[in-house]
Protein backbone atom coordinates (compact mmCIF):
# COMPACT_ATOMS: atom_id res chain seq x y z
CA UNK A 1 0.00 0.00 0.00
CA UNK A 2 1.39 3.46 -0.85
CA UNK A 3 1.91 5.67 2.16
CA UNK A 4 -0.33 8.67 2.59
CA UNK A 5 1.63 11.91 2.08
CA UNK A 6 1.98 13.68 5.39
CA UNK A 7 0.01 16.82 6.03
CA UNK A 8 2.17 19.90 6.30
CA UNK A 9 3.13 20.61 9.90
CA UNK A 10 2.48 23.94 11.52
CA UNK A 11 4.71 25.87 13.87
CA UNK A 12 3.06 26.21 17.27
CA UNK A 13 4.37 28.92 19.54
CA UNK A 14 4.61 28.19 23.26
CA UNK A 15 3.10 31.01 25.35
CA UNK A 16 3.44 31.15 29.11
CA UNK A 17 0.11 30.05 30.64
CA UNK A 18 -1.23 31.78 33.77
CA UNK A 19 -0.89 30.04 37.11
CA UNK A 20 -4.66 29.51 37.37
CA UNK A 21 -6.93 28.49 34.48
CA UNK A 22 -10.13 30.41 33.89
CA UNK A 23 -13.10 29.26 35.94
CA UNK A 24 -16.32 28.03 34.26
CA UNK A 25 -18.04 31.34 35.00
CA UNK A 26 -15.10 33.26 33.51
CA UNK A 27 -15.18 31.09 30.39
CA UNK A 28 -18.89 31.79 30.03
CA UNK A 29 -18.21 35.52 30.34
CA UNK A 30 -15.34 35.35 27.85
CA UNK A 31 -17.39 33.69 25.11
CA UNK A 32 -20.43 35.82 25.82
CA UNK A 33 -18.18 38.85 25.22
CA UNK A 34 -16.86 37.40 21.95
CA UNK A 35 -20.41 36.60 20.83
CA UNK A 36 -21.71 40.08 21.63
CA UNK A 37 -18.90 41.64 19.60
CA UNK A 38 -19.15 39.23 16.65
CA UNK A 39 -22.31 37.07 16.68
CA UNK A 40 -21.59 35.19 13.43
CA UNK A 41 -17.81 34.88 12.95
CA UNK A 42 -16.67 33.52 9.61
CA UNK A 43 -13.56 31.81 8.34
CA UNK A 44 -11.40 34.03 6.17
CA UNK A 45 -10.49 31.49 3.48
CA UNK A 46 -12.35 31.97 0.20
CA UNK A 47 -14.45 28.94 -0.79
CA UNK A 48 -17.59 28.34 -2.83
CA UNK A 49 -18.49 24.82 -1.65
CA UNK A 50 -17.17 22.05 0.65
CA UNK A 51 -14.66 20.86 -1.95
CA UNK A 52 -13.06 24.26 -2.50
CA UNK A 53 -13.01 24.76 1.28
CA UNK A 54 -11.14 21.46 1.66
CA UNK A 55 -8.65 22.52 -0.99
CA UNK A 56 -8.21 25.99 0.50
CA UNK A 57 -7.55 24.66 4.00
CA UNK A 58 -5.12 22.09 2.62
CA UNK A 59 -3.25 24.87 0.84
CA UNK A 60 -3.23 27.14 3.90
CA UNK A 61 -0.71 25.18 5.98
CA UNK A 62 2.25 27.45 6.81
CA UNK A 63 0.72 30.15 4.61
CA UNK A 64 -1.54 33.12 5.34
CA UNK A 65 -5.21 33.00 4.40
CA UNK A 66 -4.71 36.17 2.37
CA UNK A 67 -1.97 34.51 0.35
CA UNK A 68 -4.13 31.46 -0.32
CA UNK A 69 -7.11 33.60 -1.33
CA UNK A 70 -5.03 35.54 -3.83
CA UNK A 71 -4.23 32.30 -5.65
CA UNK A 72 -7.53 30.48 -5.26
CA UNK A 73 -10.09 33.16 -6.13
CA UNK A 74 -9.37 32.92 -9.88
CA UNK A 75 -8.76 29.17 -9.63
CA UNK A 76 -12.12 28.40 -8.02
CA UNK A 77 -14.00 30.37 -10.67
CA UNK A 78 -13.23 27.54 -13.10
CA UNK A 79 -12.20 24.61 -10.89
CA UNK A 80 -14.73 23.87 -8.16
CA UNK A 81 -15.14 20.08 -8.17
CA UNK A 82 -12.74 17.12 -7.86
CA UNK A 83 -13.46 16.07 -11.44
CA UNK A 84 -12.63 19.53 -12.76
CA UNK A 85 -9.44 19.55 -10.69
CA UNK A 86 -8.31 16.26 -12.23
CA UNK A 87 -9.03 17.66 -15.69
CA UNK A 88 -7.11 20.82 -14.76
CA UNK A 89 -4.10 18.69 -13.89
CA UNK A 90 -1.16 18.92 -11.53
CA UNK A 91 1.06 20.99 -13.83
CA UNK A 92 -1.51 23.75 -14.24
CA UNK A 93 -2.39 23.61 -10.57
CA UNK A 94 1.25 24.11 -9.59
CA UNK A 95 1.39 27.17 -11.82
CA UNK A 96 -1.85 28.53 -10.33
CA UNK A 97 -0.67 28.21 -6.72
CA UNK A 98 3.05 28.88 -7.14
CA UNK A 99 2.87 31.94 -4.88
CA UNK A 100 1.88 29.67 -1.96
CA UNK A 101 4.54 28.07 0.23
CA UNK A 102 5.25 24.36 -0.40
CA UNK A 103 3.14 24.62 -3.56
CA UNK A 104 4.63 21.59 -5.31
CA UNK A 105 3.77 19.15 -2.53
CA UNK A 106 0.41 20.82 -1.96
CA UNK A 107 -0.49 20.50 -5.65
CA UNK A 108 0.38 16.80 -5.52
CA UNK A 109 -1.84 16.32 -2.46
CA UNK A 110 -4.79 18.20 -3.98
CA UNK A 111 -4.68 16.05 -7.12
CA UNK A 112 -4.36 12.88 -5.03
CA UNK A 113 -7.25 13.77 -2.70
CA UNK A 114 -9.39 14.73 -5.71
CA UNK A 115 -8.77 11.29 -7.22
CA UNK A 116 -9.91 9.63 -3.99
CA UNK A 117 -13.01 11.82 -3.73
CA UNK A 118 -14.03 10.86 -7.27
CA UNK A 119 -13.17 7.18 -6.88
CA UNK A 120 -14.44 6.51 -3.36
CA UNK A 121 -16.93 9.26 -2.49
CA UNK A 122 -18.80 10.04 -5.69
CA UNK A 123 -17.02 13.37 -6.05
CA UNK A 124 -18.38 14.61 -2.71
CA UNK A 125 -16.53 15.69 0.42
CA UNK A 126 -17.37 13.16 3.15
CA UNK A 127 -18.96 14.33 6.37
CA UNK A 128 -16.76 11.97 8.35
CA UNK A 129 -13.56 12.68 10.25
CA UNK A 130 -11.86 9.35 9.52
CA UNK A 131 -12.60 9.63 5.79
CA UNK A 132 -11.32 13.19 5.70
CA UNK A 133 -8.13 12.37 7.58
CA UNK A 134 -7.49 9.49 5.17
CA UNK A 135 -7.10 12.02 2.35
CA UNK A 136 -3.55 13.06 1.33
CA UNK A 137 -2.43 16.26 3.02
CA UNK A 138 -5.41 16.33 5.39
CA UNK A 139 -4.77 16.24 9.12
CA UNK A 140 -6.98 16.68 12.15
CA UNK A 141 -7.02 20.47 11.99
CA UNK A 142 -8.09 20.52 8.34
CA UNK A 143 -10.77 17.91 8.98
CA UNK A 144 -12.10 19.97 11.89
CA UNK A 145 -12.29 23.13 9.77
CA UNK A 146 -14.21 21.32 7.01
CA UNK A 147 -16.59 19.62 9.45
CA UNK A 148 -17.26 22.93 11.18
CA UNK A 149 -17.64 25.31 8.27
CA UNK A 150 -19.02 23.02 5.56
CA UNK A 151 -21.23 20.82 7.71
CA UNK A 152 -21.97 22.83 10.85
CA UNK A 153 -20.32 20.40 13.25
CA UNK A 154 -19.20 21.89 16.62
CA UNK A 155 -15.56 20.94 16.07
CA UNK A 156 -12.58 23.01 17.18
CA UNK A 157 -9.62 23.40 14.84
CA UNK A 158 -6.49 24.21 16.81
CA UNK A 159 -4.07 26.27 14.76
CA UNK A 160 -1.21 28.35 16.15
CA UNK A 161 -3.62 31.17 17.12
CA UNK A 162 -6.08 28.95 18.99
CA UNK A 163 -3.18 27.18 20.71
CA UNK A 164 -1.63 30.46 21.81
CA UNK A 165 -4.83 32.12 23.03
CA UNK A 166 -6.04 29.00 24.85
CA UNK A 167 -2.76 28.75 26.74
CA UNK A 168 -2.22 32.45 27.27
CA UNK A 169 -5.70 33.03 28.73
CA UNK A 170 -5.72 29.83 30.74
CA UNK A 171 -8.77 28.78 28.77
CA UNK A 172 -7.55 25.25 27.98
CA UNK A 173 -3.83 24.95 28.71
CA UNK A 174 -2.02 22.16 26.88
CA UNK A 175 1.39 21.19 25.55
CA UNK A 176 0.11 19.98 22.17
CA UNK A 177 -2.70 20.96 19.79
CA UNK A 178 -4.68 17.80 20.59
CA UNK A 179 -4.45 18.50 24.34
CA UNK A 180 -5.78 22.00 23.74
CA UNK A 181 -8.53 20.74 21.43
CA UNK A 182 -9.78 18.18 23.93
CA UNK A 183 -9.52 20.74 26.73
CA UNK A 184 -11.61 23.23 24.76
CA UNK A 185 -14.22 20.57 24.00
CA UNK A 186 -14.56 19.93 27.73
CA UNK A 187 -14.50 23.54 28.92
CA UNK A 188 -16.29 25.63 26.28
CA UNK A 189 -20.05 25.79 26.97
CA UNK A 190 -22.01 23.92 24.28
CA UNK A 191 -23.87 27.03 23.19
CA UNK A 192 -20.57 28.54 22.01
CA UNK A 193 -18.84 25.46 20.54
CA UNK A 194 -19.88 26.00 16.92
CA UNK A 195 -18.12 29.37 16.68
CA UNK A 196 -15.48 28.94 19.39
CA UNK A 197 -12.50 28.30 17.14
CA UNK A 198 -13.41 31.25 14.87
CA UNK A 199 -13.50 33.65 17.81
CA UNK A 200 -10.19 32.35 19.13
CA UNK A 201 -8.50 32.42 15.70
CA UNK A 202 -9.61 35.97 15.00
CA UNK A 203 -8.65 37.11 18.49
CA UNK A 204 -5.20 35.55 18.13
CA UNK A 205 -4.66 36.82 14.60
CA UNK A 206 -5.62 40.44 15.17
CA UNK A 207 -5.33 41.16 18.92
CA UNK A 208 -3.62 38.49 21.03
CA UNK A 209 -0.61 38.30 18.72
CA UNK A 210 2.42 36.14 19.33
CA UNK A 211 5.19 38.74 19.52
CA UNK A 212 3.28 41.66 20.96
CA UNK A 213 -0.27 41.10 22.17
CA UNK A 214 -2.34 44.28 21.74
CA UNK A 215 -3.77 44.10 25.25
CA UNK A 216 -4.79 47.76 25.20
CA UNK A 217 -7.61 46.94 22.77
CA UNK A 218 -8.48 43.44 24.02
CA UNK A 219 -12.17 43.06 24.89
CA UNK A 220 -11.42 40.29 27.41
CA UNK A 221 -8.37 41.87 29.07
CA UNK A 222 -10.18 41.99 32.40
CA UNK A 223 -10.35 38.17 32.40
CA UNK A 224 -6.76 37.62 31.32
CA UNK A 225 -4.08 36.79 33.88
CA UNK A 226 -1.35 35.98 31.43
CA UNK A 227 2.20 36.89 32.49
CA UNK A 228 2.49 38.33 28.97
CA UNK A 229 -0.38 40.79 29.44
CA UNK A 230 0.61 44.40 28.77
CA UNK A 231 -1.66 47.25 29.71
CA UNK A 232 -0.76 50.97 29.70
CA UNK A 233 0.01 52.55 33.04
CA UNK A 234 -2.81 54.72 34.37
C-alpha atoms as a PDB file:
ATOM      1  CA  UNK A   1       0.000   0.000   0.000  1.00  0.00           C
ATOM      2  CA  UNK A   2       1.393   3.456  -0.849  1.00  0.00           C
ATOM      3  CA  UNK A   3       1.911   5.669   2.161  1.00  0.00           C
ATOM      4  CA  UNK A   4      -0.326   8.669   2.586  1.00  0.00           C
ATOM      5  CA  UNK A   5       1.628  11.912   2.081  1.00  0.00           C
ATOM      6  CA  UNK A   6       1.981  13.676   5.387  1.00  0.00           C
ATOM      7  CA  UNK A   7       0.006  16.819   6.033  1.00  0.00           C
ATOM      8  CA  UNK A   8       2.170  19.900   6.305  1.00  0.00           C
ATOM      9  CA  UNK A   9       3.127  20.614   9.895  1.00  0.00           C
ATOM     10  CA  UNK A  10       2.478  23.935  11.524  1.00  0.00           C
ATOM     11  CA  UNK A  11       4.709  25.870  13.873  1.00  0.00           C
ATOM     12  CA  UNK A  12       3.059  26.215  17.267  1.00  0.00           C
ATOM     13  CA  UNK A  13       4.368  28.923  19.544  1.00  0.00           C
ATOM     14  CA  UNK A  14       4.605  28.194  23.263  1.00  0.00           C
ATOM     15  CA  UNK A  15       3.099  31.012  25.345  1.00  0.00           C
ATOM     16  CA  UNK A  16       3.442  31.147  29.111  1.00  0.00           C
ATOM     17  CA  UNK A  17       0.107  30.054  30.644  1.00  0.00           C
ATOM     18  CA  UNK A  18      -1.230  31.776  33.768  1.00  0.00           C
ATOM     19  CA  UNK A  19      -0.892  30.043  37.107  1.00  0.00           C
ATOM     20  CA  UNK A  20      -4.661  29.512  37.373  1.00  0.00           C
ATOM     21  CA  UNK A  21      -6.927  28.485  34.483  1.00  0.00           C
ATOM     22  CA  UNK A  22     -10.133  30.406  33.889  1.00  0.00           C
ATOM     23  CA  UNK A  23     -13.105  29.262  35.936  1.00  0.00           C
ATOM     24  CA  UNK A  24     -16.318  28.034  34.256  1.00  0.00           C
ATOM     25  CA  UNK A  25     -18.038  31.344  35.002  1.00  0.00           C
ATOM     26  CA  UNK A  26     -15.101  33.262  33.512  1.00  0.00           C
ATOM     27  CA  UNK A  27     -15.175  31.088  30.387  1.00  0.00           C
ATOM     28  CA  UNK A  28     -18.890  31.787  30.028  1.00  0.00           C
ATOM     29  CA  UNK A  29     -18.207  35.523  30.336  1.00  0.00           C
ATOM     30  CA  UNK A  30     -15.341  35.346  27.846  1.00  0.00           C
ATOM     31  CA  UNK A  31     -17.388  33.695  25.107  1.00  0.00           C
ATOM     32  CA  UNK A  32     -20.431  35.825  25.819  1.00  0.00           C
ATOM     33  CA  UNK A  33     -18.176  38.851  25.223  1.00  0.00           C
ATOM     34  CA  UNK A  34     -16.858  37.399  21.952  1.00  0.00           C
ATOM     35  CA  UNK A  35     -20.409  36.599  20.832  1.00  0.00           C
ATOM     36  CA  UNK A  36     -21.715  40.078  21.632  1.00  0.00           C
ATOM     37  CA  UNK A  37     -18.895  41.639  19.599  1.00  0.00           C
ATOM     38  CA  UNK A  38     -19.154  39.230  16.652  1.00  0.00           C
ATOM     39  CA  UNK A  39     -22.311  37.070  16.678  1.00  0.00           C
ATOM     40  CA  UNK A  40     -21.590  35.188  13.433  1.00  0.00           C
ATOM     41  CA  UNK A  41     -17.814  34.879  12.954  1.00  0.00           C
ATOM     42  CA  UNK A  42     -16.674  33.521   9.606  1.00  0.00           C
ATOM     43  CA  UNK A  43     -13.558  31.813   8.336  1.00  0.00           C
ATOM     44  CA  UNK A  44     -11.395  34.029   6.166  1.00  0.00           C
ATOM     45  CA  UNK A  45     -10.487  31.487   3.477  1.00  0.00           C
ATOM     46  CA  UNK A  46     -12.351  31.970   0.204  1.00  0.00           C
ATOM     47  CA  UNK A  47     -14.446  28.945  -0.793  1.00  0.00           C
ATOM     48  CA  UNK A  48     -17.591  28.336  -2.826  1.00  0.00           C
ATOM     49  CA  UNK A  49     -18.495  24.822  -1.648  1.00  0.00           C
ATOM     50  CA  UNK A  50     -17.171  22.053   0.649  1.00  0.00           C
ATOM     51  CA  UNK A  51     -14.664  20.865  -1.952  1.00  0.00           C
ATOM     52  CA  UNK A  52     -13.061  24.257  -2.498  1.00  0.00           C
ATOM     53  CA  UNK A  53     -13.010  24.759   1.282  1.00  0.00           C
ATOM     54  CA  UNK A  54     -11.143  21.463   1.662  1.00  0.00           C
ATOM     55  CA  UNK A  55      -8.647  22.519  -0.994  1.00  0.00           C
ATOM     56  CA  UNK A  56      -8.207  25.993   0.496  1.00  0.00           C
ATOM     57  CA  UNK A  57      -7.553  24.662   3.999  1.00  0.00           C
ATOM     58  CA  UNK A  58      -5.119  22.088   2.624  1.00  0.00           C
ATOM     59  CA  UNK A  59      -3.250  24.873   0.838  1.00  0.00           C
ATOM     60  CA  UNK A  60      -3.231  27.140   3.896  1.00  0.00           C
ATOM     61  CA  UNK A  61      -0.712  25.182   5.983  1.00  0.00           C
ATOM     62  CA  UNK A  62       2.254  27.452   6.808  1.00  0.00           C
ATOM     63  CA  UNK A  63       0.722  30.152   4.607  1.00  0.00           C
ATOM     64  CA  UNK A  64      -1.542  33.125   5.340  1.00  0.00           C
ATOM     65  CA  UNK A  65      -5.210  33.003   4.401  1.00  0.00           C
ATOM     66  CA  UNK A  66      -4.711  36.173   2.365  1.00  0.00           C
ATOM     67  CA  UNK A  67      -1.966  34.505   0.351  1.00  0.00           C
ATOM     68  CA  UNK A  68      -4.131  31.465  -0.323  1.00  0.00           C
ATOM     69  CA  UNK A  69      -7.112  33.604  -1.331  1.00  0.00           C
ATOM     70  CA  UNK A  70      -5.030  35.538  -3.831  1.00  0.00           C
ATOM     71  CA  UNK A  71      -4.227  32.301  -5.653  1.00  0.00           C
ATOM     72  CA  UNK A  72      -7.534  30.479  -5.257  1.00  0.00           C
ATOM     73  CA  UNK A  73     -10.088  33.162  -6.126  1.00  0.00           C
ATOM     74  CA  UNK A  74      -9.370  32.924  -9.876  1.00  0.00           C
ATOM     75  CA  UNK A  75      -8.760  29.167  -9.626  1.00  0.00           C
ATOM     76  CA  UNK A  76     -12.123  28.399  -8.018  1.00  0.00           C
ATOM     77  CA  UNK A  77     -13.996  30.373 -10.667  1.00  0.00           C
ATOM     78  CA  UNK A  78     -13.233  27.540 -13.096  1.00  0.00           C
ATOM     79  CA  UNK A  79     -12.203  24.610 -10.892  1.00  0.00           C
ATOM     80  CA  UNK A  80     -14.734  23.873  -8.156  1.00  0.00           C
ATOM     81  CA  UNK A  81     -15.140  20.080  -8.168  1.00  0.00           C
ATOM     82  CA  UNK A  82     -12.739  17.125  -7.857  1.00  0.00           C
ATOM     83  CA  UNK A  83     -13.463  16.065 -11.442  1.00  0.00           C
ATOM     84  CA  UNK A  84     -12.629  19.535 -12.759  1.00  0.00           C
ATOM     85  CA  UNK A  85      -9.440  19.547 -10.691  1.00  0.00           C
ATOM     86  CA  UNK A  86      -8.312  16.263 -12.230  1.00  0.00           C
ATOM     87  CA  UNK A  87      -9.026  17.660 -15.689  1.00  0.00           C
ATOM     88  CA  UNK A  88      -7.109  20.817 -14.763  1.00  0.00           C
ATOM     89  CA  UNK A  89      -4.101  18.693 -13.887  1.00  0.00           C
ATOM     90  CA  UNK A  90      -1.156  18.923 -11.530  1.00  0.00           C
ATOM     91  CA  UNK A  91       1.063  20.993 -13.832  1.00  0.00           C
ATOM     92  CA  UNK A  92      -1.507  23.752 -14.243  1.00  0.00           C
ATOM     93  CA  UNK A  93      -2.392  23.611 -10.567  1.00  0.00           C
ATOM     94  CA  UNK A  94       1.252  24.113  -9.588  1.00  0.00           C
ATOM     95  CA  UNK A  95       1.391  27.169 -11.823  1.00  0.00           C
ATOM     96  CA  UNK A  96      -1.848  28.529 -10.335  1.00  0.00           C
ATOM     97  CA  UNK A  97      -0.674  28.213  -6.723  1.00  0.00           C
ATOM     98  CA  UNK A  98       3.054  28.878  -7.136  1.00  0.00           C
ATOM     99  CA  UNK A  99       2.869  31.944  -4.877  1.00  0.00           C
ATOM    100  CA  UNK A 100       1.876  29.670  -1.956  1.00  0.00           C
ATOM    101  CA  UNK A 101       4.537  28.073   0.232  1.00  0.00           C
ATOM    102  CA  UNK A 102       5.252  24.363  -0.404  1.00  0.00           C
ATOM    103  CA  UNK A 103       3.142  24.617  -3.559  1.00  0.00           C
ATOM    104  CA  UNK A 104       4.632  21.586  -5.306  1.00  0.00           C
ATOM    105  CA  UNK A 105       3.766  19.149  -2.532  1.00  0.00           C
ATOM    106  CA  UNK A 106       0.408  20.815  -1.961  1.00  0.00           C
ATOM    107  CA  UNK A 107      -0.494  20.504  -5.645  1.00  0.00           C
ATOM    108  CA  UNK A 108       0.379  16.804  -5.519  1.00  0.00           C
ATOM    109  CA  UNK A 109      -1.836  16.324  -2.459  1.00  0.00           C
ATOM    110  CA  UNK A 110      -4.786  18.204  -3.985  1.00  0.00           C
ATOM    111  CA  UNK A 111      -4.684  16.047  -7.115  1.00  0.00           C
ATOM    112  CA  UNK A 112      -4.365  12.875  -5.027  1.00  0.00           C
ATOM    113  CA  UNK A 113      -7.247  13.767  -2.701  1.00  0.00           C
ATOM    114  CA  UNK A 114      -9.387  14.728  -5.708  1.00  0.00           C
ATOM    115  CA  UNK A 115      -8.774  11.293  -7.222  1.00  0.00           C
ATOM    116  CA  UNK A 116      -9.909   9.629  -3.993  1.00  0.00           C
ATOM    117  CA  UNK A 117     -13.006  11.817  -3.735  1.00  0.00           C
ATOM    118  CA  UNK A 118     -14.030  10.863  -7.271  1.00  0.00           C
ATOM    119  CA  UNK A 119     -13.171   7.176  -6.877  1.00  0.00           C
ATOM    120  CA  UNK A 120     -14.440   6.507  -3.364  1.00  0.00           C
ATOM    121  CA  UNK A 121     -16.930   9.263  -2.490  1.00  0.00           C
ATOM    122  CA  UNK A 122     -18.798  10.038  -5.695  1.00  0.00           C
ATOM    123  CA  UNK A 123     -17.022  13.368  -6.048  1.00  0.00           C
ATOM    124  CA  UNK A 124     -18.383  14.613  -2.714  1.00  0.00           C
ATOM    125  CA  UNK A 125     -16.529  15.690   0.416  1.00  0.00           C
ATOM    126  CA  UNK A 126     -17.367  13.162   3.154  1.00  0.00           C
ATOM    127  CA  UNK A 127     -18.961  14.325   6.374  1.00  0.00           C
ATOM    128  CA  UNK A 128     -16.764  11.966   8.355  1.00  0.00           C
ATOM    129  CA  UNK A 129     -13.565  12.679  10.254  1.00  0.00           C
ATOM    130  CA  UNK A 130     -11.858   9.354   9.518  1.00  0.00           C
ATOM    131  CA  UNK A 131     -12.603   9.631   5.794  1.00  0.00           C
ATOM    132  CA  UNK A 132     -11.319  13.195   5.700  1.00  0.00           C
ATOM    133  CA  UNK A 133      -8.130  12.372   7.578  1.00  0.00           C
ATOM    134  CA  UNK A 134      -7.492   9.493   5.174  1.00  0.00           C
ATOM    135  CA  UNK A 135      -7.102  12.023   2.350  1.00  0.00           C
ATOM    136  CA  UNK A 136      -3.554  13.055   1.329  1.00  0.00           C
ATOM    137  CA  UNK A 137      -2.427  16.257   3.024  1.00  0.00           C
ATOM    138  CA  UNK A 138      -5.407  16.334   5.385  1.00  0.00           C
ATOM    139  CA  UNK A 139      -4.770  16.239   9.123  1.00  0.00           C
ATOM    140  CA  UNK A 140      -6.983  16.681  12.150  1.00  0.00           C
ATOM    141  CA  UNK A 141      -7.016  20.473  11.992  1.00  0.00           C
ATOM    142  CA  UNK A 142      -8.086  20.522   8.336  1.00  0.00           C
ATOM    143  CA  UNK A 143     -10.772  17.908   8.984  1.00  0.00           C
ATOM    144  CA  UNK A 144     -12.103  19.973  11.895  1.00  0.00           C
ATOM    145  CA  UNK A 145     -12.295  23.129   9.773  1.00  0.00           C
ATOM    146  CA  UNK A 146     -14.212  21.322   7.013  1.00  0.00           C
ATOM    147  CA  UNK A 147     -16.587  19.619   9.446  1.00  0.00           C
ATOM    148  CA  UNK A 148     -17.256  22.930  11.184  1.00  0.00           C
ATOM    149  CA  UNK A 149     -17.645  25.308   8.270  1.00  0.00           C
ATOM    150  CA  UNK A 150     -19.016  23.023   5.561  1.00  0.00           C
ATOM    151  CA  UNK A 151     -21.229  20.822   7.710  1.00  0.00           C
ATOM    152  CA  UNK A 152     -21.972  22.829  10.854  1.00  0.00           C
ATOM    153  CA  UNK A 153     -20.318  20.399  13.245  1.00  0.00           C
ATOM    154  CA  UNK A 154     -19.200  21.890  16.616  1.00  0.00           C
ATOM    155  CA  UNK A 155     -15.564  20.943  16.067  1.00  0.00           C
ATOM    156  CA  UNK A 156     -12.578  23.014  17.181  1.00  0.00           C
ATOM    157  CA  UNK A 157      -9.622  23.399  14.838  1.00  0.00           C
ATOM    158  CA  UNK A 158      -6.493  24.213  16.814  1.00  0.00           C
ATOM    159  CA  UNK A 159      -4.072  26.272  14.759  1.00  0.00           C
ATOM    160  CA  UNK A 160      -1.213  28.350  16.151  1.00  0.00           C
ATOM    161  CA  UNK A 161      -3.622  31.170  17.122  1.00  0.00           C
ATOM    162  CA  UNK A 162      -6.083  28.948  18.993  1.00  0.00           C
ATOM    163  CA  UNK A 163      -3.181  27.178  20.707  1.00  0.00           C
ATOM    164  CA  UNK A 164      -1.627  30.459  21.808  1.00  0.00           C
ATOM    165  CA  UNK A 165      -4.832  32.117  23.027  1.00  0.00           C
ATOM    166  CA  UNK A 166      -6.043  29.002  24.855  1.00  0.00           C
ATOM    167  CA  UNK A 167      -2.759  28.747  26.740  1.00  0.00           C
ATOM    168  CA  UNK A 168      -2.223  32.450  27.272  1.00  0.00           C
ATOM    169  CA  UNK A 169      -5.699  33.026  28.730  1.00  0.00           C
ATOM    170  CA  UNK A 170      -5.716  29.825  30.741  1.00  0.00           C
ATOM    171  CA  UNK A 171      -8.771  28.777  28.774  1.00  0.00           C
ATOM    172  CA  UNK A 172      -7.549  25.255  27.975  1.00  0.00           C
ATOM    173  CA  UNK A 173      -3.830  24.952  28.712  1.00  0.00           C
ATOM    174  CA  UNK A 174      -2.020  22.160  26.882  1.00  0.00           C
ATOM    175  CA  UNK A 175       1.391  21.195  25.547  1.00  0.00           C
ATOM    176  CA  UNK A 176       0.114  19.976  22.173  1.00  0.00           C
ATOM    177  CA  UNK A 177      -2.705  20.958  19.793  1.00  0.00           C
ATOM    178  CA  UNK A 178      -4.678  17.798  20.592  1.00  0.00           C
ATOM    179  CA  UNK A 179      -4.452  18.501  24.344  1.00  0.00           C
ATOM    180  CA  UNK A 180      -5.776  22.001  23.739  1.00  0.00           C
ATOM    181  CA  UNK A 181      -8.534  20.742  21.429  1.00  0.00           C
ATOM    182  CA  UNK A 182      -9.784  18.183  23.931  1.00  0.00           C
ATOM    183  CA  UNK A 183      -9.522  20.740  26.729  1.00  0.00           C
ATOM    184  CA  UNK A 184     -11.613  23.229  24.759  1.00  0.00           C
ATOM    185  CA  UNK A 185     -14.225  20.573  24.002  1.00  0.00           C
ATOM    186  CA  UNK A 186     -14.557  19.929  27.729  1.00  0.00           C
ATOM    187  CA  UNK A 187     -14.497  23.539  28.920  1.00  0.00           C
ATOM    188  CA  UNK A 188     -16.295  25.633  26.277  1.00  0.00           C
ATOM    189  CA  UNK A 189     -20.053  25.790  26.967  1.00  0.00           C
ATOM    190  CA  UNK A 190     -22.010  23.920  24.283  1.00  0.00           C
ATOM    191  CA  UNK A 191     -23.868  27.026  23.189  1.00  0.00           C
ATOM    192  CA  UNK A 192     -20.568  28.537  22.011  1.00  0.00           C
ATOM    193  CA  UNK A 193     -18.838  25.460  20.544  1.00  0.00           C
ATOM    194  CA  UNK A 194     -19.878  26.004  16.923  1.00  0.00           C
ATOM    195  CA  UNK A 195     -18.124  29.370  16.678  1.00  0.00           C
ATOM    196  CA  UNK A 196     -15.483  28.941  19.390  1.00  0.00           C
ATOM    197  CA  UNK A 197     -12.501  28.304  17.137  1.00  0.00           C
ATOM    198  CA  UNK A 198     -13.408  31.249  14.874  1.00  0.00           C
ATOM    199  CA  UNK A 199     -13.504  33.653  17.813  1.00  0.00           C
ATOM    200  CA  UNK A 200     -10.194  32.346  19.125  1.00  0.00           C
ATOM    201  CA  UNK A 201      -8.500  32.416  15.700  1.00  0.00           C
ATOM    202  CA  UNK A 202      -9.614  35.971  14.995  1.00  0.00           C
ATOM    203  CA  UNK A 203      -8.647  37.114  18.492  1.00  0.00           C
ATOM    204  CA  UNK A 204      -5.197  35.552  18.128  1.00  0.00           C
ATOM    205  CA  UNK A 205      -4.660  36.817  14.602  1.00  0.00           C
ATOM    206  CA  UNK A 206      -5.620  40.439  15.173  1.00  0.00           C
ATOM    207  CA  UNK A 207      -5.330  41.160  18.918  1.00  0.00           C
ATOM    208  CA  UNK A 208      -3.618  38.486  21.029  1.00  0.00           C
ATOM    209  CA  UNK A 209      -0.614  38.303  18.716  1.00  0.00           C
ATOM    210  CA  UNK A 210       2.424  36.136  19.330  1.00  0.00           C
ATOM    211  CA  UNK A 211       5.186  38.743  19.521  1.00  0.00           C
ATOM    212  CA  UNK A 212       3.275  41.662  20.956  1.00  0.00           C
ATOM    213  CA  UNK A 213      -0.274  41.102  22.172  1.00  0.00           C
ATOM    214  CA  UNK A 214      -2.336  44.278  21.741  1.00  0.00           C
ATOM    215  CA  UNK A 215      -3.765  44.105  25.253  1.00  0.00           C
ATOM    216  CA  UNK A 216      -4.792  47.756  25.198  1.00  0.00           C
ATOM    217  CA  UNK A 217      -7.615  46.938  22.771  1.00  0.00           C
ATOM    218  CA  UNK A 218      -8.478  43.442  24.025  1.00  0.00           C
ATOM    219  CA  UNK A 219     -12.173  43.056  24.891  1.00  0.00           C
ATOM    220  CA  UNK A 220     -11.423  40.288  27.406  1.00  0.00           C
ATOM    221  CA  UNK A 221      -8.373  41.865  29.069  1.00  0.00           C
ATOM    222  CA  UNK A 222     -10.178  41.991  32.398  1.00  0.00           C
ATOM    223  CA  UNK A 223     -10.351  38.168  32.395  1.00  0.00           C
ATOM    224  CA  UNK A 224      -6.761  37.617  31.320  1.00  0.00           C
ATOM    225  CA  UNK A 225      -4.083  36.787  33.883  1.00  0.00           C
ATOM    226  CA  UNK A 226      -1.346  35.982  31.425  1.00  0.00           C
ATOM    227  CA  UNK A 227       2.203  36.890  32.494  1.00  0.00           C
ATOM    228  CA  UNK A 228       2.490  38.327  28.968  1.00  0.00           C
ATOM    229  CA  UNK A 229      -0.381  40.795  29.440  1.00  0.00           C
ATOM    230  CA  UNK A 230       0.609  44.396  28.773  1.00  0.00           C
ATOM    231  CA  UNK A 231      -1.659  47.245  29.715  1.00  0.00           C
ATOM    232  CA  UNK A 232      -0.762  50.969  29.696  1.00  0.00           C
ATOM    233  CA  UNK A 233       0.007  52.552  33.040  1.00  0.00           C
ATOM    234  CA  UNK A 234      -2.814  54.717  34.368  1.00  0.00           C
END
